[in-house]
Amino acid sequence: MEVTTLDVANLLDGQLDDVPTQALTGFAGIEDASKGDLTFLANLAYEGHLYTTGASAVLVSKDFVPAAPMQDGTCLIRVDDPYAAMAKLMQAYGGEQADKTEKTHIHPSAVVDATAMIGQGVSVGPLCYVGAHSNVGDGTKMLTGSIVGDHCTIGENVVLGMRSVIGYKCTVGDQCILQIGATIGADGFGFAPTDAGFEKIPQLGNVTIAAGCEIGANTTIDRATLGSTILEEGVKLDNLIQVAHNVRIGKHTVIAAQTGIAGSTEIGAHCMIGGQVGINGHIKISDGTKVAAKSGITASITTPDQVIQGNPAQPIRKHQLMQLALRKLANEFTRPGQGPSTPQADSKPRH
């Protein structure tokens, strides 16, 4: 990264403090930054570090007013949203550390089927595999040990992390990222009970992931029984998430770690789901729903743009009132001399 503070301000449509233009060479956290680093202040809990940081430039909101002078050589670049602006810069310049091979490169230890189609500028790393009749789009990077099964379609500028797996007939759209160990297209959990035990139901569908999605490390997305398990554009999944067969997740929904989604459930667009949430099968969750961590969703959420919490999940204010009522009830039972009576032993001898 070799840019100036003026370059950054122009890229972000930001306002640069009236100080000389400085060179920037990298990114750092506000606590650890030194000369040449660019950092940001999005959470005012970290404001104290602004006045001691050694960074050459700090992204702040346009209405931010410093409470104290900063170190010499530190300038402010004012933008609408410092967090989003930092993300944009890291996308623009942080990728310079990655391999930017212009020509297709296939490592000698990789196996690529003769019928597979490999685009321009594709990098296929050590011990990778591309199956029969699969198509890998221009600019895609397959990192060590990643696997693309037979009859798969991988878009352009996709990153397949180490040991990630794309199963038979699955599709991944442009500019998606799969983190280490992500598994796309394993069989859904389908078994029919019989007198002799559980009979496996063949899982004949696939997984379709639209453009701009990111799948976290060791997250699993099962193929459909019939049809497709679908992630729409811009979905972001954290690590260790289970998405069962025939689930559909709407555009730009984000889901935190250790959430489990049972089969055939539909989650709307622009939802935000916290960690360790359990979601029942065959239900629908409306657009814009926000779910607090550790909640359990047992029935459809039909009203959009709600915040819900609890198990079973309900509107967050109702959940909070119930918790307060339970606490009050518990306090009543623990007061001295209160609560249910305890049978006293009979002091008279029994005959």
Protein backbone atom coordinates (compact mmCIF):
# COMPACT_ATOMS: atom_id res chain seq x y z
CA MET A 1 0.00 0.00 0.00
CA GLU A 2 1.55 3.27 -1.14
CA VAL A 3 -0.98 6.12 -1.17
CA THR A 4 -1.34 9.55 0.35
CA THR A 5 -3.87 11.02 2.74
CA LEU A 6 -5.20 13.10 -0.17
CA ASP A 7 -5.69 9.94 -2.28
CA VAL A 8 -7.69 8.37 0.55
CA ALA A 9 -9.84 11.45 1.06
CA ASN A 10 -10.63 11.61 -2.65
CA LEU A 11 -11.49 7.90 -2.86
CA LEU A 12 -13.90 8.20 0.10
CA ASP A 13 -15.35 11.61 -0.81
CA GLY A 14 -14.00 12.66 2.56
CA GLN A 15 -12.69 15.90 4.02
CA LEU A 16 -8.99 16.12 4.82
CA ASP A 17 -7.94 18.40 7.67
CA ASP A 18 -5.90 21.39 6.55
CA VAL A 19 -2.53 19.72 7.01
CA PRO A 20 0.23 18.71 4.56
CA THR A 21 -0.40 15.56 2.54
CA GLN A 22 1.30 12.51 4.04
CA ALA A 23 2.26 9.10 2.71
CA LEU A 24 0.41 6.04 4.00
CA THR A 25 1.91 2.56 3.91
CA GLY A 26 -0.47 0.30 5.85
CA PHE A 27 -3.37 -0.26 8.24
CA ALA A 28 -3.32 -0.66 12.03
CA GLY A 29 -5.55 -0.53 15.08
CA ILE A 30 -5.79 2.86 16.73
CA GLU A 31 -3.95 1.65 19.87
CA ASP A 32 -0.96 0.24 17.98
CA ALA A 33 -0.66 2.49 14.93
CA SER A 34 2.58 4.30 14.11
CA LYS A 35 3.85 6.70 11.47
CA GLY A 36 2.63 5.75 8.00
CA ASP A 37 -0.40 3.83 9.31
CA LEU A 38 -4.05 4.57 8.60
CA THR A 39 -6.60 3.77 11.30
CA PHE A 40 -10.19 4.70 12.20
CA LEU A 41 -12.41 5.77 15.11
CA ALA A 42 -15.94 4.39 14.83
CA ASN A 43 -16.67 3.61 18.49
CA LEU A 44 -16.26 6.59 20.83
CA ALA A 45 -15.28 4.20 23.63
CA TYR A 46 -11.84 4.27 21.93
CA GLU A 47 -11.65 8.06 21.64
CA GLY A 48 -8.93 8.30 24.28
CA HIS A 49 -6.54 6.46 21.96
CA LEU A 50 -7.05 9.14 19.30
CA TYR A 51 -4.96 11.62 21.27
CA THR A 52 -2.05 9.21 21.79
CA THR A 53 -1.99 7.25 18.53
CA GLY A 54 1.05 7.49 16.32
CA ALA A 55 -0.99 6.99 13.13
CA SER A 56 -0.47 9.38 10.25
CA ALA A 57 -4.22 9.49 9.52
CA VAL A 58 -7.44 8.59 11.31
CA LEU A 59 -10.86 8.19 9.72
CA VAL A 60 -13.54 9.90 11.82
CA SER A 61 -17.16 10.90 11.24
CA LYS A 62 -17.79 14.29 9.66
CA ASP A 63 -19.40 15.70 12.80
CA PHE A 64 -16.68 14.51 15.20
CA VAL A 65 -15.17 17.23 17.42
CA PRO A 66 -11.86 16.32 19.14
CA ALA A 67 -11.80 16.89 22.89
CA ALA A 68 -8.02 17.32 23.03
CA PRO A 69 -5.10 17.94 20.67
CA MET A 70 -3.63 15.00 18.80
CA GLN A 71 -0.03 13.99 18.34
CA ASP A 72 2.04 15.95 15.82
CA GLY A 73 1.81 14.31 12.40
CA THR A 74 -1.66 12.81 12.91
CA CYS A 75 -4.38 14.15 10.67
CA LEU A 76 -8.12 13.46 10.47
CA ILE A 77 -9.99 12.35 7.37
CA ARG A 78 -13.71 13.03 7.86
CA VAL A 79 -16.16 10.62 6.24
CA ASP A 80 -19.83 9.66 6.59
CA ASP A 81 -19.14 6.27 8.21
CA PRO A 82 -15.58 5.52 9.41
CA TYR A 83 -16.18 1.77 9.77
CA ALA A 84 -17.60 1.37 6.27
CA ALA A 85 -14.90 3.64 4.85
CA MET A 86 -12.16 1.54 6.46
CA ALA A 87 -13.70 -1.58 4.96
CA LYS A 88 -13.70 0.04 1.51
CA LEU A 89 -10.04 0.99 1.83
CA MET A 90 -9.00 -2.46 3.02
CA GLN A 91 -10.77 -3.96 0.02
CA ALA A 92 -9.05 -1.49 -2.29
CA TYR A 93 -5.53 -1.76 -0.90
CA GLY A 94 -5.33 -4.67 1.54
CA GLY A 95 -5.58 -7.22 -1.24
CA GLU A 96 -2.16 -6.23 -2.53
CA GLN A 97 -0.74 -8.84 -0.16
CA ALA A 98 -2.58 -11.59 -2.07
CA ASP A 99 -1.33 -13.30 -5.19
CA LYS A 100 -2.22 -11.15 -8.19
CA THR A 101 -1.19 -13.65 -10.86
CA GLU A 102 -2.39 -12.39 -14.24
CA LYS A 103 -1.87 -15.73 -15.95
CA THR A 104 -3.58 -18.92 -14.98
CA HIS A 105 -1.39 -20.96 -12.67
CA ILE A 106 -2.02 -24.58 -11.69
CA HIS A 107 0.28 -26.09 -9.07
CA PRO A 108 1.94 -29.35 -10.12
CA SER A 109 0.29 -31.23 -7.25
CA ALA A 110 -3.22 -30.08 -8.19
CA VAL A 111 -5.57 -32.36 -10.15
CA VAL A 112 -7.78 -30.76 -12.79
CA ASP A 113 -10.05 -32.99 -14.84
CA ALA A 114 -9.52 -32.78 -18.59
CA THR A 115 -13.15 -31.72 -19.10
CA ALA A 116 -13.01 -28.84 -16.60
CA MET A 117 -12.91 -25.25 -17.86
CA ILE A 118 -10.45 -22.92 -16.12
CA GLY A 119 -10.72 -19.16 -16.74
CA GLN A 120 -8.08 -16.50 -17.18
CA GLY A 121 -5.96 -15.53 -14.18
CA VAL A 122 -7.12 -18.50 -12.11
CA SER A 123 -4.77 -19.77 -9.41
CA VAL A 124 -5.14 -23.44 -8.44
CA GLY A 125 -2.97 -24.08 -5.39
CA PRO A 126 -1.23 -27.17 -4.03
CA LEU A 127 -3.32 -30.35 -3.58
CA CYS A 128 -6.45 -28.79 -5.06
CA TYR A 129 -8.97 -30.67 -7.19
CA VAL A 130 -11.35 -29.57 -9.95
CA GLY A 131 -13.83 -32.21 -11.09
CA ALA A 132 -15.30 -33.24 -14.40
CA HIS A 133 -17.29 -30.69 -16.41
CA SER A 134 -16.82 -27.96 -13.82
CA ASN A 135 -16.22 -24.32 -14.68
CA VAL A 136 -13.94 -22.04 -12.66
CA GLY A 137 -14.34 -18.33 -13.55
CA ASP A 138 -11.71 -15.72 -14.30
CA GLY A 139 -9.57 -14.50 -11.42
CA THR A 140 -10.68 -17.14 -8.93
CA LYS A 141 -8.17 -18.31 -6.32
CA MET A 142 -8.23 -21.89 -5.07
CA LEU A 143 -6.06 -22.06 -1.97
CA THR A 144 -4.28 -25.17 -0.70
CA GLY A 145 -6.43 -28.28 -0.57
CA SER A 146 -9.66 -26.72 -1.82
CA ILE A 147 -11.97 -28.96 -3.84
CA VAL A 148 -14.48 -28.31 -6.61
CA GLY A 149 -16.57 -31.38 -7.39
CA ASP A 150 -18.05 -32.51 -10.69
CA HIS A 151 -20.46 -30.32 -12.68
CA CYS A 152 -19.90 -27.25 -10.49
CA THR A 153 -19.92 -23.62 -11.57
CA ILE A 154 -17.63 -21.18 -9.75
CA GLY A 155 -17.90 -17.49 -10.65
CA GLU A 156 -15.26 -14.86 -11.23
CA ASN A 157 -12.91 -13.53 -8.54
CA VAL A 158 -14.00 -16.12 -5.98
CA VAL A 159 -11.69 -17.12 -3.13
CA LEU A 160 -11.90 -20.75 -2.05
CA GLY A 161 -10.11 -20.99 1.29
CA MET A 162 -7.86 -23.84 2.34
CA ARG A 163 -9.66 -27.20 2.53
CA SER A 164 -13.00 -25.71 1.48
CA VAL A 165 -15.24 -28.07 -0.49
CA ILE A 166 -17.81 -27.43 -3.22
CA GLY A 167 -19.90 -30.54 -3.79
CA TYR A 168 -21.44 -32.03 -6.93
CA LYS A 169 -23.50 -29.64 -9.12
CA CYS A 170 -23.25 -26.69 -6.74
CA THR A 171 -22.94 -23.07 -7.90
CA VAL A 172 -20.99 -20.21 -6.34
CA GLY A 173 -21.46 -16.68 -7.70
CA ASP A 174 -18.94 -13.96 -8.49
CA GLN A 175 -16.80 -12.41 -5.73
CA CYS A 176 -17.75 -14.90 -3.05
CA ILE A 177 -15.35 -15.88 -0.28
CA LEU A 178 -15.23 -19.27 1.40
CA GLN A 179 -13.14 -19.38 4.54
CA ILE A 180 -11.04 -22.34 5.70
CA GLY A 181 -12.93 -25.62 5.80
CA ALA A 182 -16.31 -24.36 4.55
CA THR A 183 -18.36 -27.24 3.13
CA ILE A 184 -20.95 -26.60 0.43
CA GLY A 185 -23.18 -29.39 -0.82
CA ALA A 186 -22.93 -32.20 1.70
CA ASP A 187 -26.06 -34.37 1.89
CA GLY A 188 -29.00 -32.96 3.79
CA PHE A 189 -30.12 -34.84 6.90
CA GLY A 190 -32.92 -36.85 5.31
CA PHE A 191 -34.06 -40.25 6.61
CA ALA A 192 -37.42 -42.03 6.43
CA PRO A 193 -38.43 -44.11 9.49
CA THR A 194 -39.23 -47.74 8.69
CA ASP A 195 -39.76 -50.90 10.72
CA ALA A 196 -36.16 -51.84 9.94
CA GLY A 197 -34.73 -48.47 10.99
CA PHE A 198 -34.10 -45.21 9.17
CA GLU A 199 -33.90 -45.35 5.39
CA LYS A 200 -31.71 -42.72 3.74
CA ILE A 201 -33.52 -40.33 1.39
CA PRO A 202 -31.25 -39.49 -1.55
CA GLN A 203 -30.36 -35.80 -1.64
CA LEU A 204 -30.60 -35.00 -5.34
CA GLY A 205 -30.61 -31.20 -5.27
CA ASN A 206 -27.76 -28.71 -4.99
CA VAL A 207 -26.64 -25.48 -3.31
CA THR A 208 -26.80 -22.17 -5.17
CA ILE A 209 -24.87 -19.22 -3.74
CA ALA A 210 -25.36 -15.82 -5.36
CA ALA A 211 -22.71 -13.13 -5.86
CA GLY A 212 -20.96 -11.37 -2.99
CA CYS A 213 -21.57 -13.95 -0.27
CA GLU A 214 -19.06 -14.92 2.40
CA ILE A 215 -19.09 -18.29 4.15
CA GLY A 216 -17.20 -18.65 7.45
CA ALA A 217 -14.73 -21.31 8.50
CA ASN A 218 -16.19 -24.79 9.01
CA THR A 219 -19.69 -23.61 8.12
CA THR A 220 -21.77 -26.25 6.33
CA ILE A 221 -24.53 -25.71 3.78
CA ASP A 222 -26.39 -28.90 2.85
CA ARG A 223 -27.65 -29.68 -0.62
CA ALA A 224 -31.40 -29.81 -1.17
CA THR A 225 -33.36 -33.02 -1.25
CA LEU A 226 -34.86 -31.75 -4.50
CA GLY A 227 -34.30 -28.28 -5.97
CA SER A 228 -31.78 -25.97 -4.31
CA THR A 229 -30.60 -24.67 -0.99
CA ILE A 230 -30.23 -20.96 -1.81
CA LEU A 231 -28.19 -18.05 -0.50
CA GLU A 232 -29.19 -14.82 -2.22
CA GLU A 233 -26.84 -11.95 -3.01
CA GLY A 234 -24.59 -10.58 -0.28
CA VAL A 235 -25.37 -13.08 2.50
CA LYS A 236 -22.66 -13.23 5.19
CA LEU A 237 -22.32 -16.33 7.36
CA ASP A 238 -19.96 -16.55 10.32
CA ASN A 239 -17.99 -19.63 11.37
CA LEU A 240 -19.55 -22.92 12.50
CA ILE A 241 -23.05 -22.39 11.12
CA GLN A 242 -25.30 -25.23 9.94
CA VAL A 243 -27.67 -24.51 7.04
CA ALA A 244 -29.88 -27.51 6.36
CA HIS A 245 -31.38 -28.75 3.08
CA ASN A 246 -33.77 -26.55 1.11
CA VAL A 247 -33.20 -23.47 3.28
CA ARG A 248 -33.42 -20.10 1.56
CA ILE A 249 -31.62 -17.02 2.96
CA GLY A 250 -32.54 -13.59 1.57
CA LYS A 251 -30.29 -10.84 0.29
CA HIS A 252 -27.77 -9.20 2.62
CA THR A 253 -28.74 -11.20 5.67
CA VAL A 254 -25.96 -11.74 8.23
CA ILE A 255 -25.80 -14.66 10.67
CA ALA A 256 -23.37 -15.06 13.58
CA ALA A 257 -21.50 -18.17 14.69
CA GLN A 258 -22.98 -21.47 15.89
CA THR A 259 -26.46 -20.78 14.56
CA GLY A 260 -28.39 -23.79 13.27
CA ILE A 261 -31.14 -23.55 10.65
CA ALA A 262 -33.37 -26.58 10.12
CA GLY A 263 -34.63 -27.72 6.73
CA SER A 264 -36.93 -25.84 4.35
CA THR A 265 -36.95 -22.62 6.37
CA GLU A 266 -37.03 -19.28 4.55
CA ILE A 267 -35.18 -16.31 6.03
CA GLY A 268 -35.92 -12.89 4.58
CA ALA A 269 -33.63 -10.14 3.31
CA HIS A 270 -31.59 -7.80 5.52
CA CYS A 271 -32.02 -9.93 8.64
CA MET A 272 -29.46 -9.95 11.46
CA ILE A 273 -29.23 -13.16 13.47
CA GLY A 274 -27.03 -13.43 16.56
CA GLY A 275 -24.83 -16.29 17.67
CA GLN A 276 -26.10 -19.68 18.84
CA VAL A 277 -29.62 -19.11 17.55
CA GLY A 278 -31.70 -22.20 16.82
CA ILE A 279 -34.25 -21.96 14.00
CA ASN A 280 -36.98 -24.54 13.48
CA GLY A 281 -37.71 -26.12 10.09
CA HIS A 282 -40.48 -25.27 7.61
CA ILE A 283 -41.04 -21.73 8.92
CA LYS A 284 -40.62 -18.24 7.47
CA ILE A 285 -38.82 -15.25 8.94
CA SER A 286 -39.80 -11.82 7.59
CA ASP A 287 -37.44 -9.26 6.07
CA GLY A 288 -35.46 -7.10 8.47
CA THR A 289 -35.84 -9.38 11.49
CA LYS A 290 -33.17 -9.02 14.17
CA VAL A 291 -32.65 -11.99 16.49
CA ALA A 292 -30.76 -11.75 19.78
CA ALA A 293 -28.09 -14.36 20.55
CA LYS A 294 -29.13 -17.75 22.01
CA SER A 295 -32.75 -17.30 20.94
CA GLY A 296 -34.90 -20.17 19.70
CA ILE A 297 -37.29 -19.52 16.83
CA THR A 298 -40.01 -22.15 16.85
CA ALA A 299 -42.67 -20.52 14.67
CA SER A 300 -42.84 -18.14 11.70
CA ILE A 301 -42.06 -14.45 12.24
CA THR A 302 -44.65 -12.71 10.09
CA THR A 303 -44.11 -9.04 11.02
CA PRO A 304 -41.05 -7.49 9.33
CA ASP A 305 -38.37 -5.38 11.02
CA GLN A 306 -38.89 -6.77 14.52
CA VAL A 307 -36.26 -7.36 17.18
CA ILE A 308 -36.91 -10.70 18.88
CA GLN A 309 -35.35 -12.57 21.77
CA GLY A 310 -35.83 -15.58 24.00
CA ASN A 311 -36.77 -19.23 23.69
CA PRO A 312 -39.31 -19.37 22.23
CA ALA A 313 -38.41 -16.04 20.61
CA GLN A 314 -40.85 -13.15 20.89
CA PRO A 315 -40.71 -9.36 20.50
CA ILE A 316 -37.84 -8.17 22.64
CA ARG A 317 -39.87 -5.81 24.85
CA LYS A 318 -42.28 -8.60 25.74
CA HIS A 319 -39.35 -10.89 26.51
CA GLN A 320 -37.77 -8.25 28.76
CA LEU A 321 -41.03 -7.67 30.67
CA MET A 322 -41.38 -11.40 31.25
CA GLN A 323 -37.84 -11.60 32.59
CA LEU A 324 -38.52 -8.70 34.96
CA ALA A 325 -41.71 -10.38 36.16
CA LEU A 326 -39.87 -13.65 36.80
CA ARG A 327 -37.15 -11.82 38.71
CA LYS A 328 -39.76 -10.04 40.82
CA LEU A 329 -41.50 -13.34 41.52
CA ALA A 330 -38.22 -14.96 42.52
CA ASN A 331 -37.47 -12.06 44.86
CA GLU A 332 -40.86 -12.50 46.54
CA PHE A 333 -40.06 -16.12 47.33
CA THR A 334 -36.64 -15.33 48.78
CA ARG A 335 -37.67 -12.63 51.25
CA PRO A 336 -37.36 -13.60 54.94
CA GLY A 337 -40.62 -15.06 56.18
CA GLN A 338 -42.08 -15.15 52.69
CA GLY A 339 -42.67 -17.89 50.18
CA PRO A 340 -44.39 -21.23 50.43
CA SER A 341 -44.83 -22.57 53.96
CA THR A 342 -42.55 -25.36 55.16
CA PRO A 343 -44.22 -28.14 57.22
CA GLN A 344 -42.99 -27.98 60.80
CA ALA A 345 -42.05 -31.12 62.71
CA ASP A 346 -44.57 -32.12 65.35
CA SER A 347 -42.91 -31.57 68.73
CA LYS A 348 -45.32 -33.93 70.51
CA PRO A 349 -44.43 -37.59 70.72
CA ARG A 350 -46.55 -39.88 68.62
CA HIS A 351 -48.29 -42.87 70.28
